[in-house]
PDB file of N, CA and C in Angstrom:
ATOM      1  N   MET A   1      34.590  69.131   7.478  1.00  0.00           N
ATOM      2  CA  MET A   1      35.707  69.311   8.377  1.00  0.00           C
ATOM      3  C   MET A   1      36.939  68.662   7.746  1.00  0.00           C
ATOM      4  N   ASP A   2      38.055  69.351   7.815  1.00  0.00           N
ATOM      5  CA  ASP A   2      39.274  68.796   7.229  1.00  0.00           C
ATOM      6  C   ASP A   2      39.895  67.766   8.179  1.00  0.00           C
ATOM      7  N   ASP A   3      40.774  66.932   7.623  1.00  0.00           N
ATOM      8  CA  ASP A   3      41.379  65.831   8.386  1.00  0.00           C
ATOM      9  C   ASP A   3      42.183  66.321   9.581  1.00  0.00           C
ATOM     10  N   GLN A   4      42.922  67.402   9.428  1.00  0.00           N
ATOM     11  CA  GLN A   4      43.738  67.924  10.527  1.00  0.00           C
ATOM     12  C   GLN A   4      42.867  68.345  11.709  1.00  0.00           C
ATOM     13  N   THR A   5      41.787  69.035  11.413  1.00  0.00           N
ATOM     14  CA  THR A   5      40.876  69.473  12.477  1.00  0.00           C
ATOM     15  C   THR A   5      40.235  68.281  13.156  1.00  0.00           C
ATOM     16  N   ARG A   6      39.808  67.303  12.354  1.00  0.00           N
ATOM     17  CA  ARG A   6      39.205  66.087  12.919  1.00  0.00           C
ATOM     18  C   ARG A   6      40.191  65.391  13.840  1.00  0.00           C
ATOM     19  N   THR A   7      41.439  65.250  13.408  1.00  0.00           N
ATOM     20  CA  THR A   7      42.461  64.607  14.228  1.00  0.00           C
ATOM     21  C   THR A   7      42.682  65.371  15.530  1.00  0.00           C
ATOM     22  N   GLU A   8      42.713  66.695  15.449  1.00  0.00           N
ATOM     23  CA  GLU A   8      42.900  67.519  16.649  1.00  0.00           C
ATOM     24  C   GLU A   8      41.729  67.365  17.619  1.00  0.00           C
ATOM     25  N   LEU A   9      40.516  67.310  17.090  1.00  0.00           N
ATOM     26  CA  LEU A   9      39.339  67.118  17.943  1.00  0.00           C
ATOM     27  C   LEU A   9      39.343  65.732  18.590  1.00  0.00           C
ATOM     28  N   GLU A  10      39.702  64.718  17.811  1.00  0.00           N
ATOM     29  CA  GLU A  10      39.782  63.364  18.365  1.00  0.00           C
ATOM     30  C   GLU A  10      40.841  63.291  19.458  1.00  0.00           C
ATOM     31  N   ALA A  11      41.977  63.922  19.240  1.00  0.00           N
ATOM     32  CA  ALA A  11      43.039  63.936  20.251  1.00  0.00           C
ATOM     33  C   ALA A  11      42.568  64.648  21.515  1.00  0.00           C
ATOM     34  N   ALA A  12      41.854  65.743  21.358  1.00  0.00           N
ATOM     35  CA  ALA A  12      41.336  66.473  22.520  1.00  0.00           C
ATOM     36  C   ALA A  12      40.328  65.617  23.284  1.00  0.00           C
ATOM     37  N   ALA A  13      39.484  64.896  22.573  1.00  0.00           N
ATOM     38  CA  ALA A  13      38.511  64.021  23.222  1.00  0.00           C
ATOM     39  C   ALA A  13      39.225  62.892  23.968  1.00  0.00           C
ATOM     40  N   PHE A  14      40.278  62.327  23.379  1.00  0.00           N
ATOM     41  CA  PHE A  14      41.059  61.287  24.049  1.00  0.00           C
ATOM     42  C   PHE A  14      41.677  61.838  25.331  1.00  0.00           C
ATOM     43  N   ARG A  15      42.281  63.028  25.249  1.00  0.00           N
ATOM     44  CA  ARG A  15      42.887  63.624  26.444  1.00  0.00           C
ATOM     45  C   ARG A  15      41.836  63.878  27.521  1.00  0.00           C
ATOM     46  N   ALA A  16      40.644  64.295  27.129  1.00  0.00           N
ATOM     47  CA  ALA A  16      39.568  64.519  28.100  1.00  0.00           C
ATOM     48  C   ALA A  16      39.131  63.207  28.749  1.00  0.00           C
ATOM     49  N   LEU A  17      39.047  62.147  27.973  1.00  0.00           N
ATOM     50  CA  LEU A  17      38.687  60.834  28.516  1.00  0.00           C
ATOM     51  C   LEU A  17      39.736  60.369  29.515  1.00  0.00           C
ATOM     52  N   VAL A  18      41.008  60.473  29.155  1.00  0.00           N
ATOM     53  CA  VAL A  18      42.084  60.056  30.057  1.00  0.00           C
ATOM     54  C   VAL A  18      42.048  60.904  31.337  1.00  0.00           C
ATOM     55  N   HIS A  19      41.837  62.212  31.202  1.00  0.00           N
ATOM     56  CA  HIS A  19      41.755  63.090  32.363  1.00  0.00           C
ATOM     57  C   HIS A  19      40.588  62.678  33.266  1.00  0.00           C
ATOM     58  N   GLN A  20      39.457  62.383  32.674  1.00  0.00           N
ATOM     59  CA  GLN A  20      38.294  61.949  33.447  1.00  0.00           C
ATOM     60  C   GLN A  20      38.612  60.687  34.247  1.00  0.00           C
ATOM     61  N   LEU A  21      39.238  59.718  33.590  1.00  0.00           N
ATOM     62  CA  LEU A  21      39.528  58.442  34.246  1.00  0.00           C
ATOM     63  C   LEU A  21      40.656  58.529  35.265  1.00  0.00           C
ATOM     64  N   MET A  22      41.624  59.401  35.009  1.00  0.00           N
ATOM     65  CA  MET A  22      42.799  59.423  35.874  1.00  0.00           C
ATOM     66  C   MET A  22      42.747  60.486  36.954  1.00  0.00           C
ATOM     67  N   VAL A  23      42.111  61.621  36.682  1.00  0.00           N
ATOM     68  CA  VAL A  23      42.109  62.724  37.639  1.00  0.00           C
ATOM     69  C   VAL A  23      40.765  62.830  38.367  1.00  0.00           C
ATOM     70  N   LYS A  24      39.709  62.858  37.586  1.00  0.00           N
ATOM     71  CA  LYS A  24      38.400  63.057  38.202  1.00  0.00           C
ATOM     72  C   LYS A  24      37.827  61.784  38.816  1.00  0.00           C
ATOM     73  N   ARG A  25      38.092  60.626  38.209  1.00  0.00           N
ATOM     74  CA  ARG A  25      37.483  59.377  38.681  1.00  0.00           C
ATOM     75  C   ARG A  25      38.460  58.209  38.773  1.00  0.00           C
ATOM     76  N   PRO A  26      39.592  58.386  39.464  1.00  0.00           N
ATOM     77  CA  PRO A  26      40.498  57.250  39.625  1.00  0.00           C
ATOM     78  C   PRO A  26      39.885  56.140  40.478  1.00  0.00           C
ATOM     79  N   ASP A  27      38.789  56.469  41.186  1.00  0.00           N
ATOM     80  CA  ASP A  27      38.097  55.481  42.005  1.00  0.00           C
ATOM     81  C   ASP A  27      37.335  54.460  41.167  1.00  0.00           C
ATOM     82  N   VAL A  28      37.035  54.792  39.925  1.00  0.00           N
ATOM     83  CA  VAL A  28      36.333  53.840  39.058  1.00  0.00           C
ATOM     84  C   VAL A  28      37.329  52.758  38.665  1.00  0.00           C
ATOM     85  N   GLN A  29      37.015  51.555  39.042  1.00  0.00           N
ATOM     86  CA  GLN A  29      37.933  50.441  38.844  1.00  0.00           C
ATOM     87  C   GLN A  29      37.921  49.954  37.393  1.00  0.00           C
ATOM     88  N   ASN A  30      39.077  49.491  36.923  1.00  0.00           N
ATOM     89  CA  ASN A  30      39.173  48.944  35.569  1.00  0.00           C
ATOM     90  C   ASN A  30      38.180  47.802  35.367  1.00  0.00           C
ATOM     91  N   ILE A  31      38.019  46.969  36.364  1.00  0.00           N
ATOM     92  CA  ILE A  31      37.121  45.819  36.226  1.00  0.00           C
ATOM     93  C   ILE A  31      35.684  46.299  35.999  1.00  0.00           C
ATOM     94  N   ASP A  32      35.308  47.406  36.651  1.00  0.00           N
ATOM     95  CA  ASP A  32      33.961  47.944  36.449  1.00  0.00           C
ATOM     96  C   ASP A  32      33.811  48.538  35.055  1.00  0.00           C
ATOM     97  N   LEU A  33      34.855  49.232  34.584  1.00  0.00           N
ATOM     98  CA  LEU A  33      34.833  49.760  33.219  1.00  0.00           C
ATOM     99  C   LEU A  33      34.669  48.625  32.207  1.00  0.00           C
ATOM    100  N   MET A  34      35.450  47.565  32.384  1.00  0.00           N
ATOM    101  CA  MET A  34      35.386  46.436  31.455  1.00  0.00           C
ATOM    102  C   MET A  34      34.025  45.756  31.518  1.00  0.00           C
ATOM    103  N   ASN A  35      33.535  45.552  32.728  1.00  0.00           N
ATOM    104  CA  ASN A  35      32.256  44.853  32.872  1.00  0.00           C
ATOM    105  C   ASN A  35      31.094  45.645  32.294  1.00  0.00           C
ATOM    106  N   LEU A  36      31.139  46.958  32.421  1.00  0.00           N
ATOM    107  CA  LEU A  36      30.035  47.784  31.935  1.00  0.00           C
ATOM    108  C   LEU A  36      30.237  48.301  30.516  1.00  0.00           C
ATOM    109  N   GLY A  37      31.475  48.661  30.185  1.00  0.00           N
ATOM    110  CA  GLY A  37      31.729  49.307  28.901  1.00  0.00           C
ATOM    111  C   GLY A  37      32.482  48.483  27.884  1.00  0.00           C
ATOM    112  N   GLY A  38      33.057  47.372  28.327  1.00  0.00           N
ATOM    113  CA  GLY A  38      33.803  46.530  27.393  1.00  0.00           C
ATOM    114  C   GLY A  38      35.206  47.032  27.100  1.00  0.00           C
ATOM    115  N   PHE A  39      35.688  47.987  27.888  1.00  0.00           N
ATOM    116  CA  PHE A  39      37.055  48.476  27.759  1.00  0.00           C
ATOM    117  C   PHE A  39      37.479  49.044  29.107  1.00  0.00           C
ATOM    118  N   CYS A  40      38.786  49.228  29.275  1.00  0.00           N
ATOM    119  CA  CYS A  40      39.298  49.818  30.506  1.00  0.00           C
ATOM    120  C   CYS A  40      40.548  50.639  30.184  1.00  0.00           C
ATOM    121  N   ARG A  41      41.197  51.125  31.199  1.00  0.00           N
ATOM    122  CA  ARG A  41      42.402  51.920  31.003  1.00  0.00           C
ATOM    123  C   ARG A  41      43.485  51.112  30.287  1.00  0.00           C
ATOM    124  N   ASN A  42      43.569  49.828  30.602  1.00  0.00           N
ATOM    125  CA  ASN A  42      44.561  48.979  29.929  1.00  0.00           C
ATOM    126  C   ASN A  42      44.253  48.860  28.443  1.00  0.00           C
ATOM    127  N   CYS A  43      42.982  48.820  28.086  1.00  0.00           N
ATOM    128  CA  CYS A  43      42.608  48.791  26.673  1.00  0.00           C
ATOM    129  C   CYS A  43      43.054  50.080  25.987  1.00  0.00           C
ATOM    130  N   LEU A  44      42.812  51.218  26.633  1.00  0.00           N
ATOM    131  CA  LEU A  44      43.245  52.491  26.061  1.00  0.00           C
ATOM    132  C   LEU A  44      44.749  52.490  25.810  1.00  0.00           C
ATOM    133  N   SER A  45      45.500  51.980  26.781  1.00  0.00           N
ATOM    134  CA  SER A  45      46.960  51.966  26.602  1.00  0.00           C
ATOM    135  C   SER A  45      47.365  50.997  25.502  1.00  0.00           C
ATOM    136  N   ARG A  46      46.658  49.880  25.373  1.00  0.00           N
ATOM    137  CA  ARG A  46      46.960  48.927  24.290  1.00  0.00           C
ATOM    138  C   ARG A  46      46.648  49.552  22.937  1.00  0.00           C
ATOM    139  N   TRP A  47      45.531  50.253  22.831  1.00  0.00           N
ATOM    140  CA  TRP A  47      45.181  50.917  21.574  1.00  0.00           C
ATOM    141  C   TRP A  47      46.211  51.980  21.227  1.00  0.00           C
ATOM    142  N   TYR A  48      46.703  52.677  22.229  1.00  0.00           N
ATOM    143  CA  TYR A  48      47.735  53.697  22.019  1.00  0.00           C
ATOM    144  C   TYR A  48      49.017  53.032  21.498  1.00  0.00           C
ATOM    145  N   GLN A  49      49.400  51.934  22.127  1.00  0.00           N
ATOM    146  CA  GLN A  49      50.593  51.189  21.705  1.00  0.00           C
ATOM    147  C   GLN A  49      50.421  50.656  20.280  1.00  0.00           C
ATOM    148  N   GLU A  50      49.266  50.131  19.955  1.00  0.00           N
ATOM    149  CA  GLU A  50      49.007  49.618  18.612  1.00  0.00           C
ATOM    150  C   GLU A  50      49.053  50.739  17.573  1.00  0.00           C
ATOM    151  N   ALA A  51      48.518  51.910  17.921  1.00  0.00           N
ATOM    152  CA  ALA A  51      48.561  53.052  16.998  1.00  0.00           C
ATOM    153  C   ALA A  51      50.002  53.486  16.764  1.00  0.00           C
ATOM    154  N   ALA A  52      50.814  53.465  17.804  1.00  0.00           N
ATOM    155  CA  ALA A  52      52.236  53.799  17.652  1.00  0.00           C
ATOM    156  C   ALA A  52      52.912  52.794  16.727  1.00  0.00           C
ATOM    157  N   ALA A  53      52.648  51.514  16.943  1.00  0.00           N
ATOM    158  CA  ALA A  53      53.262  50.461  16.122  1.00  0.00           C
ATOM    159  C   ALA A  53      52.874  50.608  14.656  1.00  0.00           C
ATOM    160  N   GLU A  54      51.614  50.975  14.394  1.00  0.00           N
ATOM    161  CA  GLU A  54      51.162  51.179  13.013  1.00  0.00           C
ATOM    162  C   GLU A  54      51.932  52.285  12.311  1.00  0.00           C
ATOM    163  N   ARG A  55      52.501  53.176  13.106  1.00  0.00           N
ATOM    164  CA  ARG A  55      53.282  54.291  12.554  1.00  0.00           C
ATOM    165  C   ARG A  55      54.779  54.062  12.669  1.00  0.00           C
ATOM    166  N   GLY A  56      55.156  52.829  12.996  1.00  0.00           N
ATOM    167  CA  GLY A  56      56.568  52.473  13.084  1.00  0.00           C
ATOM    168  C   GLY A  56      57.265  52.975  14.340  1.00  0.00           C
ATOM    169  N   ILE A  57      56.486  53.322  15.360  1.00  0.00           N
ATOM    170  CA  ILE A  57      57.045  53.806  16.619  1.00  0.00           C
ATOM    171  C   ILE A  57      57.058  52.659  17.621  1.00  0.00           C
ATOM    172  N   GLU A  58      58.246  52.314  18.109  1.00  0.00           N
ATOM    173  CA  GLU A  58      58.349  51.259  19.109  1.00  0.00           C
ATOM    174  C   GLU A  58      57.931  51.802  20.463  1.00  0.00           C
ATOM    175  N   MET A  59      57.046  51.081  21.114  1.00  0.00           N
ATOM    176  CA  MET A  59      56.572  51.482  22.432  1.00  0.00           C
ATOM    177  C   MET A  59      56.222  50.223  23.209  1.00  0.00           C
ATOM    178  N   SER A  60      56.773  50.098  24.395  1.00  0.00           N
ATOM    179  CA  SER A  60      56.471  48.934  25.225  1.00  0.00           C
ATOM    180  C   SER A  60      55.097  49.091  25.868  1.00  0.00           C
ATOM    181  N   LYS A  61      54.580  47.987  26.375  1.00  0.00           N
ATOM    182  CA  LYS A  61      53.310  48.018  27.080  1.00  0.00           C
ATOM    183  C   LYS A  61      53.409  48.962  28.283  1.00  0.00           C
ATOM    184  N   ASP A  62      54.533  48.908  29.005  1.00  0.00           N
ATOM    185  CA  ASP A  62      54.712  49.782  30.160  1.00  0.00           C
ATOM    186  C   ASP A  62      54.750  51.253  29.762  1.00  0.00           C
ATOM    187  N   GLN A  63      55.399  51.567  28.651  1.00  0.00           N
ATOM    188  CA  GLN A  63      55.446  52.958  28.188  1.00  0.00           C
ATOM    189  C   GLN A  63      54.050  53.455  27.820  1.00  0.00           C
ATOM    190  N   ALA A  64      53.281  52.617  27.136  1.00  0.00           N
ATOM    191  CA  ALA A  64      51.920  53.004  26.750  1.00  0.00           C
ATOM    192  C   ALA A  64      51.039  53.171  27.983  1.00  0.00           C
ATOM    193  N   ARG A  65      51.188  52.284  28.943  1.00  0.00           N
ATOM    194  CA  ARG A  65      50.398  52.408  30.169  1.00  0.00           C
ATOM    195  C   ARG A  65      50.736  53.693  30.902  1.00  0.00           C
ATOM    196  N   GLU A  66      52.005  54.078  30.903  1.00  0.00           N
ATOM    197  CA  GLU A  66      52.384  55.308  31.597  1.00  0.00           C
ATOM    198  C   GLU A  66      51.754  56.535  30.930  1.00  0.00           C
ATOM    199  N   VAL A  67      51.569  56.486  29.616  1.00  0.00           N
ATOM    200  CA  VAL A  67      50.885  57.587  28.918  1.00  0.00           C
ATOM    201  C   VAL A  67      49.456  57.709  29.442  1.00  0.00           C
ATOM    202  N   VAL A  68      48.760  56.592  29.548  1.00  0.00           N
ATOM    203  CA  VAL A  68      47.359  56.603  29.967  1.00  0.00           C
ATOM    204  C   VAL A  68      47.217  56.823  31.467  1.00  0.00           C
ATOM    205  N   TYR A  69      48.039  56.149  32.265  1.00  0.00           N
ATOM    206  CA  TYR A  69      47.912  56.240  33.722  1.00  0.00           C
ATOM    207  C   TYR A  69      48.583  57.482  34.310  1.00  0.00           C
ATOM    208  N   GLY A  70      49.478  58.100  33.543  1.00  0.00           N
ATOM    209  CA  GLY A  70      50.164  59.275  34.046  1.00  0.00           C
ATOM    210  C   GLY A  70      51.222  58.966  35.084  1.00  0.00           C
ATOM    211  N   MET A  71      51.534  57.704  35.239  1.00  0.00           N
ATOM    212  CA  MET A  71      52.532  57.226  36.197  1.00  0.00           C
ATOM    213  C   MET A  71      52.778  55.755  35.887  1.00  0.00           C
ATOM    214  N   PRO A  72      53.818  55.175  36.455  1.00  0.00           N
ATOM    215  CA  PRO A  72      53.995  53.733  36.248  1.00  0.00           C
ATOM    216  C   PRO A  72      52.749  52.969  36.717  1.00  0.00           C
ATOM    217  N   TYR A  73      52.388  51.949  35.965  1.00  0.00           N
ATOM    218  CA  TYR A  73      51.178  51.182  36.237  1.00  0.00           C
ATOM    219  C   TYR A  73      51.158  50.641  37.664  1.00  0.00           C
ATOM    220  N   ALA A  74      52.274  50.109  38.127  1.00  0.00           N
ATOM    221  CA  ALA A  74      52.328  49.540  39.479  1.00  0.00           C
ATOM    222  C   ALA A  74      52.010  50.601  40.534  1.00  0.00           C
ATOM    223  N   ASP A  75      52.450  51.820  40.314  1.00  0.00           N
ATOM    224  CA  ASP A  75      52.148  52.904  41.251  1.00  0.00           C
ATOM    225  C   ASP A  75      50.653  53.198  41.270  1.00  0.00           C
ATOM    226  N   TRP A  76      50.037  53.232  40.082  1.00  0.00           N
ATOM    227  CA  TRP A  76      48.607  53.501  40.018  1.00  0.00           C
ATOM    228  C   TRP A  76      47.831  52.400  40.728  1.00  0.00           C
ATOM    229  N   VAL A  77      48.211  51.150  40.482  1.00  0.00           N
ATOM    230  CA  VAL A  77      47.529  50.017  41.118  1.00  0.00           C
ATOM    231  C   VAL A  77      47.624  50.145  42.637  1.00  0.00           C
ATOM    232  N   ALA A  78      48.824  50.438  43.136  1.00  0.00           N
ATOM    233  CA  ALA A  78      49.011  50.559  44.585  1.00  0.00           C
ATOM    234  C   ALA A  78      48.168  51.689  45.172  1.00  0.00           C
ATOM    235  N   GLN A  79      47.994  52.759  44.431  1.00  0.00           N
ATOM    236  CA  GLN A  79      47.256  53.919  44.932  1.00  0.00           C
ATOM    237  C   GLN A  79      45.745  53.800  44.777  1.00  0.00           C
ATOM    238  N   ASN A  80      45.292  53.075  43.762  1.00  0.00           N
ATOM    239  CA  ASN A  80      43.877  53.155  43.388  1.00  0.00           C
ATOM    240  C   ASN A  80      43.108  51.849  43.294  1.00  0.00           C
ATOM    241  N   GLN A  81      43.772  50.748  43.033  1.00  0.00           N
ATOM    242  CA  GLN A  81      43.035  49.520  42.752  1.00  0.00           C
ATOM    243  C   GLN A  81      42.576  48.848  44.033  1.00  0.00           C
ATOM    244  N   THR A  82      41.343  48.381  44.013  1.00  0.00           N
ATOM    245  CA  THR A  82      40.779  47.643  45.136  1.00  0.00           C
ATOM    246  C   THR A  82      40.530  46.193  44.717  1.00  0.00           C
ATOM    247  N   GLU A  83      40.314  45.350  45.685  1.00  0.00           N
ATOM    248  CA  GLU A  83      40.061  43.931  45.416  1.00  0.00           C
ATOM    249  C   GLU A  83      38.663  43.758  44.838  1.00  0.00           C
ATOM    250  N   ALA A  84      38.551  42.949  43.812  1.00  0.00           N
ATOM    251  CA  ALA A  84      37.251  42.670  43.187  1.00  0.00           C
ATOM    252  C   ALA A  84      36.680  41.386  43.753  1.00  0.00           C
ATOM    253  N   ASP A  85      35.378  41.397  43.998  1.00  0.00           N
ATOM    254  CA  ASP A  85      34.735  40.194  44.516  1.00  0.00           C
ATOM    255  C   ASP A  85      34.573  39.153  43.401  1.00  0.00           C
ATOM    256  N   ALA A  86      34.150  37.969  43.784  1.00  0.00           N
ATOM    257  CA  ALA A  86      34.033  36.857  42.828  1.00  0.00           C
ATOM    258  C   ALA A  86      33.056  37.164  41.703  1.00  0.00           C
ATOM    259  N   GLY A  87      31.969  37.857  42.003  1.00  0.00           N
ATOM    260  CA  GLY A  87      30.994  38.199  40.971  1.00  0.00           C
ATOM    261  C   GLY A  87      31.573  39.123  39.918  1.00  0.00           C
ATOM    262  N   LYS A  88      32.319  40.138  40.350  1.00  0.00           N
ATOM    263  CA  LYS A  88      32.959  41.057  39.405  1.00  0.00           C
ATOM    264  C   LYS A  88      34.013  40.332  38.576  1.00  0.00           C
ATOM    265  N   GLN A  89      34.747  39.427  39.215  1.00  0.00           N
ATOM    266  CA  GLN A  89      35.783  38.694  38.493  1.00  0.00           C
ATOM    267  C   GLN A  89      35.168  37.790  37.425  1.00  0.00           C
ATOM    268  N   ALA A  90      34.062  37.147  37.738  1.00  0.00           N
ATOM    269  CA  ALA A  90      33.383  36.286  36.758  1.00  0.00           C
ATOM    270  C   ALA A  90      32.842  37.127  35.596  1.00  0.00           C
ATOM    271  N   ALA A  91      32.247  38.273  35.912  1.00  0.00           N
ATOM    272  CA  ALA A  91      31.737  39.160  34.857  1.00  0.00           C
ATOM    273  C   ALA A  91      32.886  39.664  33.995  1.00  0.00           C
ATOM    274  N   PHE A  92      34.039  39.927  34.622  1.00  0.00           N
ATOM    275  CA  PHE A  92      35.205  40.396  33.880  1.00  0.00           C
ATOM    276  C   PHE A  92      35.673  39.345  32.877  1.00  0.00           C
ATOM    277  N   GLN A  93      35.723  38.089  33.280  1.00  0.00           N
ATOM    278  CA  GLN A  93      36.164  37.023  32.370  1.00  0.00           C
ATOM    279  C   GLN A  93      35.282  36.995  31.120  1.00  0.00           C
ATOM    280  N   LYS A  94      33.986  37.145  31.310  1.00  0.00           N
ATOM    281  CA  LYS A  94      33.048  37.164  30.185  1.00  0.00           C
ATOM    282  C   LYS A  94      33.255  38.415  29.326  1.00  0.00           C
ATOM    283  N   ALA A  95      33.336  39.582  29.964  1.00  0.00           N
ATOM    284  CA  ALA A  95      33.511  40.837  29.227  1.00  0.00           C
ATOM    285  C   ALA A  95      34.837  40.859  28.479  1.00  0.00           C
ATOM    286  N   PHE A  96      35.891  40.351  29.105  1.00  0.00           N
ATOM    287  CA  PHE A  96      37.200  40.324  28.467  1.00  0.00           C
ATOM    288  C   PHE A  96      37.154  39.445  27.220  1.00  0.00           C
ATOM    289  N   ALA A  97      36.573  38.267  27.347  1.00  0.00           N
ATOM    290  CA  ALA A  97      36.481  37.354  26.205  1.00  0.00           C
ATOM    291  C   ALA A  97      35.668  37.962  25.068  1.00  0.00           C
ATOM    292  N   GLU A  98      34.598  38.652  25.410  1.00  0.00           N
ATOM    293  CA  GLU A  98      33.731  39.234  24.386  1.00  0.00           C
ATOM    294  C   GLU A  98      34.314  40.483  23.733  1.00  0.00           C
ATOM    295  N   ASN A  99      35.118  41.247  24.470  1.00  0.00           N
ATOM    296  CA  ASN A  99      35.567  42.547  23.973  1.00  0.00           C
ATOM    297  C   ASN A  99      37.036  42.624  23.621  1.00  0.00           C
ATOM    298  N   VAL A 100      37.867  41.954  24.343  1.00  0.00           N
ATOM    299  CA  VAL A 100      39.312  42.049  24.092  1.00  0.00           C
ATOM    300  C   VAL A 100      39.774  40.914  23.202  1.00  0.00           C
ATOM    301  N   GLY A 101      39.183  39.774  23.355  1.00  0.00           N
ATOM    302  CA  GLY A 101      39.608  38.604  22.603  1.00  0.00           C
ATOM    303  C   GLY A 101      39.242  38.638  21.125  1.00  0.00           C
ATOM    304  N   LYS A 102      38.275  39.471  20.757  1.00  0.00           N
ATOM    305  CA  LYS A 102      37.853  39.498  19.359  1.00  0.00           C
ATOM    306  C   LYS A 102      38.303  40.791  18.703  1.00  0.00           C
ATOM    307  N   LYS A 103      38.512  40.746  17.425  1.00  0.00           N
ATOM    308  CA  LYS A 103      38.894  41.922  16.650  1.00  0.00           C
ATOM    309  C   LYS A 103      37.708  42.351  15.796  1.00  0.00           C
ATOM    310  N   ASP A 104      37.517  43.667  15.691  1.00  0.00           N
ATOM    311  CA  ASP A 104      36.427  44.186  14.857  1.00  0.00           C
ATOM    312  C   ASP A 104      36.789  44.157  13.396  1.00  0.00           C
TER     313      ASP A 104
END
């Protein structure tokens, strides 16, 4: 497979993932994604922002989040985010430290 085709397929898979998280399953909370998968919507937006920076494209955290969330982050939180119990919050602290705090 040539590089252009691979890039196009990867981009399509990314768009499908974002669509799944934002349209089909906005009820799935970021804390649950992080606790189970080691990443969340905020991670996706950070990776997007980092990829832009690697290519010399300036993008704020808010701009990157809007790409992933499809709306301003605060609007998404108001519409979709629920309160996490103490157990989920404790698991999140561990998952965040293990997955976001370290670089591969």
